Amino acid sequence: MTETVLAVEDIESARSFLNDALLMFGYSVICAEDGMDGLKKFRENKDRINDLLLELVMPKLTSHSEFPCLLGKQEQERKGQKYKPYMQ
């Protein structure tokens, strides 16, 4: 089974690069152009998304604050786990 990644990136050229690179490594990719689009696509595809690739600051929603909070509870219920953000 192929893993599906939701990649949220507002710069079109970077989004295209991420899409191509992830496809090359065998992932199925769903791309979103901003935080709100990312939330919409997550909710529409939540049962098939395995990983999220987010930019820390993006238009309409920032991934380091609002995005994880909105997804956290939903993801926690889906996987039976606590939300643990990975930040470097």
N, C-alpha and C. Protein backbone atom coordinates (compact mmCIF):
# COMPACT_ATOMS: atom_id res chain seq x y z
N MET A 1 0.84 -1.19 0.00
CA MET A 1 0.00 0.00 0.00
C MET A 1 0.88 1.25 0.00
N THR A 2 0.56 2.20 -0.84
CA THR A 2 1.29 3.46 -0.93
C THR A 2 0.82 4.41 0.16
N GLU A 3 1.78 5.07 0.82
CA GLU A 3 1.42 6.08 1.81
C GLU A 3 1.05 7.38 1.10
N THR A 4 0.11 8.10 1.69
CA THR A 4 -0.34 9.37 1.12
C THR A 4 0.12 10.51 2.01
N VAL A 5 0.71 11.53 1.37
CA VAL A 5 1.21 12.71 2.06
C VAL A 5 0.37 13.91 1.64
N LEU A 6 -0.07 14.69 2.62
CA LEU A 6 -0.69 15.98 2.34
C LEU A 6 0.41 17.02 2.47
N ALA A 7 0.76 17.67 1.36
CA ALA A 7 1.80 18.69 1.33
C ALA A 7 1.16 20.06 1.19
N VAL A 8 1.36 20.92 2.18
CA VAL A 8 0.78 22.26 2.16
C VAL A 8 1.90 23.28 1.95
N GLU A 9 1.85 23.97 0.82
CA GLU A 9 2.89 24.93 0.45
C GLU A 9 2.27 26.02 -0.41
N ASP A 10 2.50 27.29 -0.05
CA ASP A 10 1.86 28.38 -0.78
C ASP A 10 2.61 28.80 -2.05
N ILE A 11 3.88 28.49 -2.17
CA ILE A 11 4.64 28.86 -3.36
C ILE A 11 4.50 27.74 -4.38
N GLU A 12 3.93 28.08 -5.54
CA GLU A 12 3.60 27.07 -6.54
C GLU A 12 4.80 26.25 -6.99
N SER A 13 5.94 26.89 -7.23
CA SER A 13 7.12 26.15 -7.69
C SER A 13 7.61 25.17 -6.62
N ALA A 14 7.55 25.57 -5.35
CA ALA A 14 7.95 24.67 -4.27
C ALA A 14 6.96 23.53 -4.12
N ARG A 15 5.67 23.84 -4.27
CA ARG A 15 4.62 22.82 -4.19
C ARG A 15 4.80 21.79 -5.32
N SER A 16 5.11 22.26 -6.50
CA SER A 16 5.34 21.38 -7.64
C SER A 16 6.56 20.49 -7.41
N PHE A 17 7.64 21.08 -6.86
CA PHE A 17 8.84 20.31 -6.55
C PHE A 17 8.55 19.23 -5.53
N LEU A 18 7.84 19.60 -4.45
CA LEU A 18 7.48 18.61 -3.42
C LEU A 18 6.66 17.48 -4.01
N ASN A 19 5.69 17.83 -4.82
CA ASN A 19 4.84 16.83 -5.46
C ASN A 19 5.69 15.86 -6.28
N ASP A 20 6.55 16.40 -7.14
CA ASP A 20 7.38 15.56 -8.01
C ASP A 20 8.34 14.69 -7.21
N ALA A 21 8.97 15.27 -6.19
CA ALA A 21 9.94 14.52 -5.38
C ALA A 21 9.25 13.39 -4.61
N LEU A 22 8.11 13.67 -4.01
CA LEU A 22 7.40 12.64 -3.26
C LEU A 22 6.89 11.53 -4.17
N LEU A 23 6.39 11.91 -5.35
CA LEU A 23 5.96 10.89 -6.32
C LEU A 23 7.12 10.01 -6.74
N MET A 24 8.31 10.61 -6.93
CA MET A 24 9.49 9.86 -7.33
C MET A 24 9.88 8.81 -6.28
N PHE A 25 9.59 9.12 -5.01
CA PHE A 25 9.90 8.17 -3.94
C PHE A 25 8.74 7.24 -3.61
N GLY A 26 7.71 7.26 -4.45
CA GLY A 26 6.63 6.29 -4.32
C GLY A 26 5.44 6.69 -3.48
N TYR A 27 5.39 7.94 -3.05
CA TYR A 27 4.26 8.40 -2.26
C TYR A 27 3.12 8.85 -3.16
N SER A 28 1.91 8.74 -2.65
CA SER A 28 0.76 9.38 -3.26
C SER A 28 0.70 10.77 -2.61
N VAL A 29 0.41 11.82 -3.39
CA VAL A 29 0.50 13.18 -2.86
C VAL A 29 -0.81 13.93 -3.09
N ILE A 30 -1.21 14.64 -2.05
CA ILE A 30 -2.31 15.60 -2.14
C ILE A 30 -1.68 16.95 -1.81
N CYS A 31 -1.77 17.91 -2.72
CA CYS A 31 -1.18 19.22 -2.51
C CYS A 31 -2.25 20.25 -2.16
N ALA A 32 -1.87 21.17 -1.28
CA ALA A 32 -2.75 22.28 -0.91
C ALA A 32 -1.95 23.58 -1.00
N GLU A 33 -2.63 24.67 -1.40
CA GLU A 33 -1.93 25.92 -1.64
C GLU A 33 -1.86 26.86 -0.45
N ASP A 34 -2.61 26.60 0.60
CA ASP A 34 -2.53 27.40 1.82
C ASP A 34 -3.16 26.61 2.97
N GLY A 35 -3.13 27.18 4.15
CA GLY A 35 -3.63 26.47 5.32
C GLY A 35 -5.09 26.08 5.26
N MET A 36 -5.93 26.98 4.78
CA MET A 36 -7.35 26.66 4.69
C MET A 36 -7.61 25.56 3.67
N ASP A 37 -6.91 25.62 2.54
CA ASP A 37 -7.01 24.57 1.53
C ASP A 37 -6.51 23.24 2.10
N GLY A 38 -5.45 23.32 2.89
CA GLY A 38 -4.91 22.12 3.54
C GLY A 38 -5.91 21.48 4.49
N LEU A 39 -6.57 22.32 5.29
CA LEU A 39 -7.60 21.79 6.20
C LEU A 39 -8.74 21.15 5.44
N LYS A 40 -9.18 21.81 4.37
CA LYS A 40 -10.27 21.27 3.54
C LYS A 40 -9.89 19.91 2.96
N LYS A 41 -8.68 19.84 2.40
CA LYS A 41 -8.24 18.59 1.79
C LYS A 41 -7.98 17.51 2.83
N PHE A 42 -7.52 17.91 4.02
CA PHE A 42 -7.34 16.93 5.09
C PHE A 42 -8.68 16.33 5.49
N ARG A 43 -9.66 17.18 5.68
CA ARG A 43 -10.98 16.70 6.09
C ARG A 43 -11.61 15.81 5.02
N GLU A 44 -11.39 16.14 3.75
CA GLU A 44 -11.95 15.34 2.65
C GLU A 44 -11.25 14.00 2.49
N ASN A 45 -9.99 13.91 2.92
CA ASN A 45 -9.18 12.71 2.67
C ASN A 45 -8.57 12.12 3.94
N LYS A 46 -9.10 12.47 5.11
CA LYS A 46 -8.46 12.10 6.37
C LYS A 46 -8.24 10.60 6.55
N ASP A 47 -9.05 9.78 5.95
CA ASP A 47 -8.90 8.34 6.12
C ASP A 47 -7.75 7.76 5.30
N ARG A 48 -7.27 8.50 4.30
CA ARG A 48 -6.18 7.97 3.49
C ARG A 48 -4.85 8.71 3.66
N ILE A 49 -4.84 9.83 4.40
CA ILE A 49 -3.60 10.59 4.62
C ILE A 49 -2.80 9.96 5.75
N ASN A 50 -1.53 9.65 5.46
CA ASN A 50 -0.64 9.07 6.46
C ASN A 50 0.30 10.10 7.08
N ASP A 51 0.69 11.10 6.30
CA ASP A 51 1.67 12.09 6.76
C ASP A 51 1.29 13.48 6.29
N LEU A 52 1.71 14.49 7.07
CA LEU A 52 1.50 15.88 6.72
C LEU A 52 2.85 16.54 6.54
N LEU A 53 2.99 17.33 5.50
CA LEU A 53 4.19 18.11 5.26
C LEU A 53 3.75 19.56 5.21
N LEU A 54 4.12 20.34 6.26
CA LEU A 54 3.62 21.69 6.41
C LEU A 54 4.74 22.71 6.49
N GLU A 55 4.46 23.87 5.98
CA GLU A 55 5.34 25.02 6.13
C GLU A 55 5.01 25.67 7.48
N LEU A 56 5.98 26.24 8.17
CA LEU A 56 5.69 26.84 9.47
C LEU A 56 4.83 28.09 9.37
N VAL A 57 5.05 28.90 8.36
CA VAL A 57 4.24 30.11 8.19
C VAL A 57 3.67 30.09 6.78
N MET A 58 2.35 30.20 6.69
CA MET A 58 1.71 30.19 5.39
C MET A 58 0.48 31.08 5.42
N PRO A 59 0.02 31.52 4.26
CA PRO A 59 -1.17 32.36 4.21
C PRO A 59 -2.41 31.64 4.73
N LYS A 60 -3.26 32.40 5.37
CA LYS A 60 -4.59 31.99 5.84
C LYS A 60 -4.58 31.09 7.07
N LEU A 61 -3.45 30.53 7.44
CA LEU A 61 -3.37 29.68 8.63
C LEU A 61 -1.91 29.34 8.85
N THR A 62 -1.42 29.49 10.08
CA THR A 62 -0.02 29.13 10.32
C THR A 62 0.06 27.74 10.90
N SER A 63 0.96 26.93 10.38
CA SER A 63 1.01 25.54 10.79
C SER A 63 1.52 25.36 12.20
N HIS A 64 2.29 26.33 12.74
CA HIS A 64 2.83 26.14 14.09
C HIS A 64 1.83 26.53 15.17
N SER A 65 0.69 27.10 14.80
CA SER A 65 -0.29 27.46 15.82
C SER A 65 -1.67 26.90 15.51
N GLU A 66 -2.38 27.49 14.56
CA GLU A 66 -3.76 27.09 14.32
C GLU A 66 -3.90 25.72 13.67
N PHE A 67 -3.09 25.43 12.67
CA PHE A 67 -3.25 24.18 11.92
C PHE A 67 -3.16 22.94 12.81
N PRO A 68 -2.11 22.81 13.64
CA PRO A 68 -2.05 21.62 14.51
C PRO A 68 -3.20 21.56 15.51
N CYS A 69 -3.63 22.70 16.01
CA CYS A 69 -4.74 22.70 16.96
C CYS A 69 -6.02 22.18 16.32
N LEU A 70 -6.27 22.62 15.08
CA LEU A 70 -7.48 22.18 14.39
C LEU A 70 -7.41 20.71 14.00
N LEU A 71 -6.23 20.25 13.64
CA LEU A 71 -6.08 18.85 13.24
C LEU A 71 -5.87 17.92 14.43
N GLY A 72 -5.26 18.43 15.48
CA GLY A 72 -4.85 17.60 16.60
C GLY A 72 -5.93 16.72 17.18
N LYS A 73 -7.06 17.31 17.51
CA LYS A 73 -8.14 16.53 18.12
C LYS A 73 -8.67 15.49 17.14
N GLN A 74 -8.86 15.90 15.90
CA GLN A 74 -9.36 14.99 14.88
C GLN A 74 -8.39 13.84 14.65
N GLU A 75 -7.10 14.16 14.57
CA GLU A 75 -6.07 13.15 14.35
C GLU A 75 -5.95 12.24 15.57
N GLN A 76 -6.05 12.83 16.74
CA GLN A 76 -5.97 12.07 17.98
C GLN A 76 -7.07 11.01 18.03
N GLU A 77 -8.27 11.41 17.68
CA GLU A 77 -9.40 10.47 17.68
C GLU A 77 -9.21 9.39 16.62
N ARG A 78 -8.68 9.78 15.45
CA ARG A 78 -8.51 8.82 14.35
C ARG A 78 -7.47 7.76 14.67
N LYS A 79 -6.36 8.16 15.26
CA LYS A 79 -5.27 7.23 15.52
C LYS A 79 -5.21 6.73 16.96
N GLY A 80 -6.02 7.31 17.84
CA GLY A 80 -5.97 6.92 19.23
C GLY A 80 -4.66 7.34 19.89
N GLN A 81 -4.05 8.42 19.40
CA GLN A 81 -2.77 8.89 19.93
C GLN A 81 -2.87 10.36 20.28
N LYS A 82 -1.87 10.83 21.03
CA LYS A 82 -1.78 12.24 21.33
C LYS A 82 -1.04 12.96 20.22
N TYR A 83 -1.43 14.20 19.97
CA TYR A 83 -0.76 15.01 18.95
C TYR A 83 0.61 15.44 19.48
N LYS A 84 1.65 15.15 18.72
CA LYS A 84 3.01 15.55 19.07
C LYS A 84 3.64 16.23 17.86
N PRO A 85 3.69 17.56 17.86
CA PRO A 85 4.28 18.24 16.71
C PRO A 85 5.78 18.00 16.64
N TYR A 86 6.28 17.86 15.42
CA TYR A 86 7.72 17.75 15.20
C TYR A 86 8.20 19.08 14.67
N MET A 87 9.06 19.74 15.44
CA MET A 87 9.62 21.02 15.00
C MET A 87 11.10 21.03 15.31
N GLN A 88 11.87 21.53 14.37
CA GLN A 88 13.32 21.64 14.57
C GLN A 88 13.68 23.04 14.89
